[in-house]
Amino acid sequence: MGPRSDGVGVTPVVGVRLTLPVQHLGRRSLLSGFYQPEFDRYDALLQAEERQAFQQIQQVVKVRQHRVVSSFLVLYFSAGNPETIEDLRAILDHSDDLKAELKKTPYYSETGWHVFLEIRPQVLRALAALERIGFATDWEREVRPRIQKRIDSMSAQLHRSNVIPAVEGALGRQVASDRVVVYLLEYSKPLEMRITGTRVLAHESYPFDVAMHMAVHKMLHPLTPDPMARACRRFSMF
């Protein structure tokens, strides 16, 4: 299992950078309480039309569809494997390619896809706003060094962390890859998220064992509770 930073040019990188602004800037919420200083800092920089774009995304995804905005966006974008904000824009400009990739996963639905298309213009405006207010630049300067330090610390423990046997034992079949990638994030509390492929997202502050248990749990989605419980028991060595 390899830990990765959410700032090394991978799909969840840019997608999860949307977690703070889209999930928190749209309106004050439980999640914004975890990052109140950051909320206030970036909210003050938004122009009225930019703030409205975030609010419209919240309205469609959270209020009408009862979904978590950040989880929804990260899951969908992850199927396109973008590395930069420009890649995200390209995905939005060629959405049929993303649709084809999503259809290869258990996470595609016609309802979800229509929601994604409905918020597409607002997401494009949100991406432009993030670039304008310097969110990515701030992340590189202020967040990446802390996450990289955590990655270096976790790497020393990975030799004892092969979660694949526990997952395959619960599923009764082989998984698509013998490598699980854990992306360490900053702006994700209190959520944990699964994305496409054998990849999971975890907050950088989580203890090592918690991150490993989370990897097992998320690798079993979508699935019924019983196999999840079996996997957790098999993983009790941690």
Protein backbone atom coordinates (compact mmCIF):
# COMPACT_ATOMS: atom_id res chain seq x y z
CA MET A 1 0.00 0.00 0.00
CA GLY A 2 1.40 3.37 -0.86
CA PRO A 3 0.45 6.69 0.74
CA ARG A 4 0.26 9.61 -1.60
CA SER A 5 -0.15 13.33 -1.13
CA ASP A 6 -3.23 15.13 -2.46
CA GLY A 7 -0.88 17.55 -4.15
CA VAL A 8 1.15 15.34 -6.48
CA GLY A 9 -0.86 15.77 -9.61
CA VAL A 10 -3.42 13.01 -9.34
CA THR A 11 -7.17 13.05 -9.75
CA PRO A 12 -8.06 13.52 -6.09
CA VAL A 13 -5.47 16.24 -5.89
CA VAL A 14 -7.37 18.91 -7.71
CA GLY A 15 -10.71 17.34 -7.04
CA VAL A 16 -10.18 17.29 -3.31
CA ARG A 17 -8.95 20.85 -3.41
CA LEU A 18 -12.58 21.56 -4.22
CA THR A 19 -13.57 20.04 -0.90
CA LEU A 20 -12.91 23.20 1.08
CA PRO A 21 -14.35 25.83 -1.27
CA VAL A 22 -17.29 23.93 -2.72
CA GLN A 23 -18.32 22.16 0.44
CA HIS A 24 -17.65 25.09 2.76
CA LEU A 25 -17.92 28.31 0.78
CA GLY A 26 -21.37 27.58 -0.56
CA ARG A 27 -22.86 28.14 2.87
CA ARG A 28 -21.84 27.86 6.49
CA SER A 29 -22.18 24.22 7.51
CA LEU A 30 -20.92 21.58 9.90
CA LEU A 31 -17.90 21.00 7.67
CA SER A 32 -16.94 24.66 7.46
CA GLY A 33 -16.64 24.62 11.25
CA PHE A 34 -13.56 22.44 10.95
CA TYR A 35 -11.86 25.10 8.85
CA GLN A 36 -13.40 28.38 9.97
CA PRO A 37 -10.25 30.51 9.49
CA GLU A 38 -9.80 29.16 5.97
CA PHE A 39 -13.51 29.61 5.25
CA ASP A 40 -13.37 33.25 6.28
CA ARG A 41 -10.12 33.84 4.41
CA TYR A 42 -11.29 32.54 1.03
CA ASP A 43 -14.91 33.57 1.31
CA ALA A 44 -13.78 37.18 1.67
CA LEU A 45 -11.91 36.93 -1.65
CA LEU A 46 -14.82 35.64 -3.71
CA GLN A 47 -16.77 37.92 -5.99
CA ALA A 48 -20.55 37.78 -5.81
CA GLU A 49 -20.98 35.74 -8.99
CA GLU A 50 -18.28 33.30 -7.90
CA ARG A 51 -19.92 32.78 -4.50
CA GLN A 52 -23.20 32.21 -6.30
CA ALA A 53 -21.65 29.40 -8.35
CA PHE A 54 -20.59 27.60 -5.17
CA GLN A 55 -24.04 28.13 -3.68
CA GLN A 56 -25.75 26.75 -6.79
CA ILE A 57 -23.63 23.59 -6.61
CA GLN A 58 -24.65 23.19 -2.98
CA GLN A 59 -28.29 23.71 -3.86
CA VAL A 60 -28.32 21.03 -6.54
CA VAL A 61 -26.14 18.37 -4.92
CA LYS A 62 -26.67 18.85 -1.19
CA VAL A 63 -30.15 20.31 -0.85
CA ARG A 64 -31.96 18.63 -3.73
CA GLN A 65 -30.04 15.37 -4.06
CA HIS A 66 -28.99 14.96 -0.40
CA ARG A 67 -25.41 14.13 -1.39
CA VAL A 68 -22.12 15.36 0.01
CA VAL A 69 -20.77 17.81 -2.56
CA SER A 70 -17.08 17.03 -2.12
CA SER A 71 -17.58 13.25 -2.17
CA PHE A 72 -19.74 13.47 -5.28
CA LEU A 73 -17.27 15.62 -7.22
CA VAL A 74 -14.18 13.69 -6.17
CA LEU A 75 -15.74 10.34 -7.07
CA TYR A 76 -16.83 11.47 -10.50
CA PHE A 77 -13.65 13.33 -11.41
CA SER A 78 -11.47 10.45 -10.21
CA ALA A 79 -12.66 8.33 -13.13
CA GLY A 80 -10.94 10.77 -15.48
CA ASN A 81 -7.57 10.72 -13.70
CA PRO A 82 -6.76 14.41 -14.12
CA GLU A 83 -3.51 15.85 -12.81
CA THR A 84 -4.20 19.58 -12.98
CA ILE A 85 -7.06 22.05 -12.90
CA GLU A 86 -6.60 22.33 -16.66
CA ASP A 87 -7.24 18.59 -16.89
CA LEU A 88 -10.44 19.03 -14.91
CA ARG A 89 -11.58 21.64 -17.37
CA ALA A 90 -10.78 19.28 -20.24
CA ILE A 91 -12.89 16.60 -18.57
CA LEU A 92 -15.77 19.01 -18.28
CA ASP A 93 -15.33 20.00 -21.93
CA HIS A 94 -15.36 16.33 -23.03
CA SER A 95 -17.78 14.83 -20.57
CA ASP A 96 -18.65 11.83 -22.75
CA ASP A 97 -15.17 10.41 -22.12
CA LEU A 98 -15.71 10.66 -18.36
CA LYS A 99 -19.10 9.03 -18.71
CA ALA A 100 -17.55 6.07 -20.51
CA GLU A 101 -14.99 5.60 -17.74
CA LEU A 102 -17.58 5.91 -14.98
CA LYS A 103 -19.68 3.24 -16.66
CA LYS A 104 -16.82 0.81 -16.04
CA THR A 105 -17.25 1.28 -12.28
CA PRO A 106 -20.07 0.39 -9.85
CA TYR A 107 -20.64 4.10 -9.21
CA TYR A 108 -22.32 5.20 -12.41
CA SER A 109 -26.02 6.00 -12.44
CA GLU A 110 -28.18 7.95 -14.84
CA THR A 111 -29.45 10.12 -12.01
CA GLY A 112 -25.96 10.95 -10.79
CA TRP A 113 -24.77 11.71 -14.30
CA HIS A 114 -27.62 14.15 -14.90
CA VAL A 115 -26.70 15.90 -11.64
CA PHE A 116 -23.08 16.15 -12.79
CA LEU A 117 -24.11 17.68 -16.10
CA GLU A 118 -26.45 20.12 -14.39
CA ILE A 119 -23.69 21.55 -12.19
CA ARG A 120 -21.03 21.48 -14.89
CA PRO A 121 -21.21 25.25 -15.69
CA GLN A 122 -21.01 26.14 -12.01
CA VAL A 123 -18.04 23.83 -11.43
CA LEU A 124 -16.20 25.52 -14.29
CA ARG A 125 -16.82 28.88 -12.63
CA ALA A 126 -15.70 27.48 -9.27
CA LEU A 127 -12.43 26.24 -10.78
CA ALA A 128 -11.78 29.65 -12.28
CA ALA A 129 -12.50 31.27 -8.92
CA LEU A 130 -10.09 28.97 -7.11
CA GLU A 131 -7.34 29.93 -9.52
CA ARG A 132 -8.11 33.62 -9.22
CA ILE A 133 -7.99 33.70 -5.40
CA GLY A 134 -4.75 31.69 -5.29
CA PHE A 135 -6.05 28.62 -3.48
CA ALA A 136 -3.72 26.16 -5.22
CA THR A 137 -0.69 28.39 -4.63
CA ASP A 138 -1.52 28.67 -0.95
CA TRP A 139 -1.90 24.90 -0.74
CA GLU A 140 1.51 24.30 -2.27
CA ARG A 141 3.17 26.70 0.16
CA GLU A 142 1.26 26.03 3.37
CA VAL A 143 -0.12 22.49 3.20
CA ARG A 144 2.09 20.33 0.99
CA PRO A 145 5.15 20.43 3.33
CA ARG A 146 3.09 19.20 6.28
CA ILE A 147 1.49 16.38 4.28
CA GLN A 148 4.81 15.33 2.79
CA LYS A 149 6.25 15.04 6.29
CA ARG A 150 3.34 12.79 7.26
CA ILE A 151 3.84 10.66 4.15
CA ASP A 152 7.49 10.16 5.03
CA SER A 153 6.49 9.04 8.51
CA MET A 154 3.86 6.58 7.28
CA SER A 155 6.13 5.09 4.64
CA ALA A 156 8.30 3.48 7.30
CA GLN A 157 5.31 1.41 8.49
CA LEU A 158 3.99 0.19 5.16
CA HIS A 159 5.90 -3.08 5.17
CA ARG A 160 3.34 -4.51 7.64
CA SER A 161 0.27 -3.16 5.91
CA ASN A 162 -0.87 -5.46 3.11
CA VAL A 163 -4.64 -5.05 3.31
CA ILE A 164 -5.38 -6.85 0.04
CA PRO A 165 -5.73 -10.37 1.59
CA ALA A 166 -8.33 -9.05 4.06
CA VAL A 167 -10.30 -7.38 1.29
CA GLU A 168 -10.17 -10.37 -1.06
CA GLY A 169 -11.08 -12.72 1.77
CA ALA A 170 -14.23 -10.72 2.47
CA LEU A 171 -15.17 -10.32 -1.19
CA GLY A 172 -14.40 -13.91 -2.14
CA ARG A 173 -12.59 -12.76 -5.27
CA GLN A 174 -9.49 -10.94 -6.42
CA VAL A 175 -9.51 -7.16 -6.61
CA ALA A 176 -8.44 -5.23 -9.70
CA SER A 177 -5.00 -4.31 -8.34
CA ASP A 178 -2.65 -5.55 -5.63
CA ARG A 179 -1.79 -1.95 -4.77
CA VAL A 180 -3.92 0.42 -2.72
CA VAL A 181 -3.14 4.12 -2.89
CA VAL A 182 -4.05 6.29 0.09
CA TYR A 183 -4.21 10.00 -0.65
CA LEU A 184 -3.50 12.12 2.42
CA LEU A 185 -5.62 15.26 2.52
CA GLU A 186 -5.86 18.42 4.54
CA TYR A 187 -9.32 19.84 3.85
CA SER A 188 -11.47 16.74 4.30
CA LYS A 189 -12.62 16.51 7.92
CA PRO A 190 -14.86 14.91 9.05
CA LEU A 191 -15.27 12.88 5.84
CA GLU A 192 -13.59 9.79 4.49
CA MET A 193 -14.07 9.05 0.81
CA ARG A 194 -13.72 6.24 -1.70
CA ILE A 195 -12.88 6.99 -5.30
CA THR A 196 -12.67 4.81 -8.39
CA GLY A 197 -10.07 2.07 -8.51
CA THR A 198 -8.14 0.78 -5.51
CA ARG A 199 -7.71 4.27 -4.08
CA VAL A 200 -8.98 5.88 -0.89
CA LEU A 201 -8.78 9.32 0.73
CA ALA A 202 -7.81 9.99 4.35
CA HIS A 203 -7.10 13.07 6.42
CA GLU A 204 -3.41 13.56 7.11
CA SER A 205 -3.96 13.65 10.88
CA TYR A 206 -5.41 10.14 11.12
CA PRO A 207 -3.23 7.63 12.99
CA PHE A 208 -1.61 5.01 10.79
CA ASP A 209 -3.82 2.15 11.99
CA VAL A 210 -6.98 4.20 11.45
CA ALA A 211 -5.92 4.92 7.87
CA MET A 212 -5.34 1.21 7.27
CA HIS A 213 -8.74 0.21 8.67
CA MET A 214 -10.28 2.92 6.51
CA ALA A 215 -8.59 1.46 3.44
CA VAL A 216 -10.18 -1.93 4.11
CA HIS A 217 -13.60 -0.40 4.71
CA LYS A 218 -13.57 1.76 1.59
CA MET A 219 -12.24 -1.03 -0.62
CA LEU A 220 -15.46 -2.94 0.10
CA HIS A 221 -17.77 -0.22 -1.22
CA PRO A 222 -20.35 -0.65 -2.53
CA LEU A 223 -21.17 -3.83 -0.61
CA THR A 224 -23.44 -5.19 2.12
CA PRO A 225 -22.48 -4.82 5.80
CA ASP A 226 -21.68 -8.48 6.52
CA PRO A 227 -18.57 -8.74 4.29
CA MET A 228 -17.40 -5.42 5.73
CA ALA A 229 -17.58 -6.86 9.23
CA ARG A 230 -15.68 -9.99 8.17
CA ALA A 231 -12.94 -7.88 6.62
CA CYS A 232 -12.60 -5.77 9.75
CA ARG A 233 -12.23 -8.88 11.88
CA ARG A 234 -9.60 -10.29 9.53
CA PHE A 235 -7.79 -6.97 9.72
CA SER A 236 -7.80 -6.91 13.54
CA MET A 237 -4.03 -7.52 13.55
CA PHE A 238 -3.70 -3.75 13.24
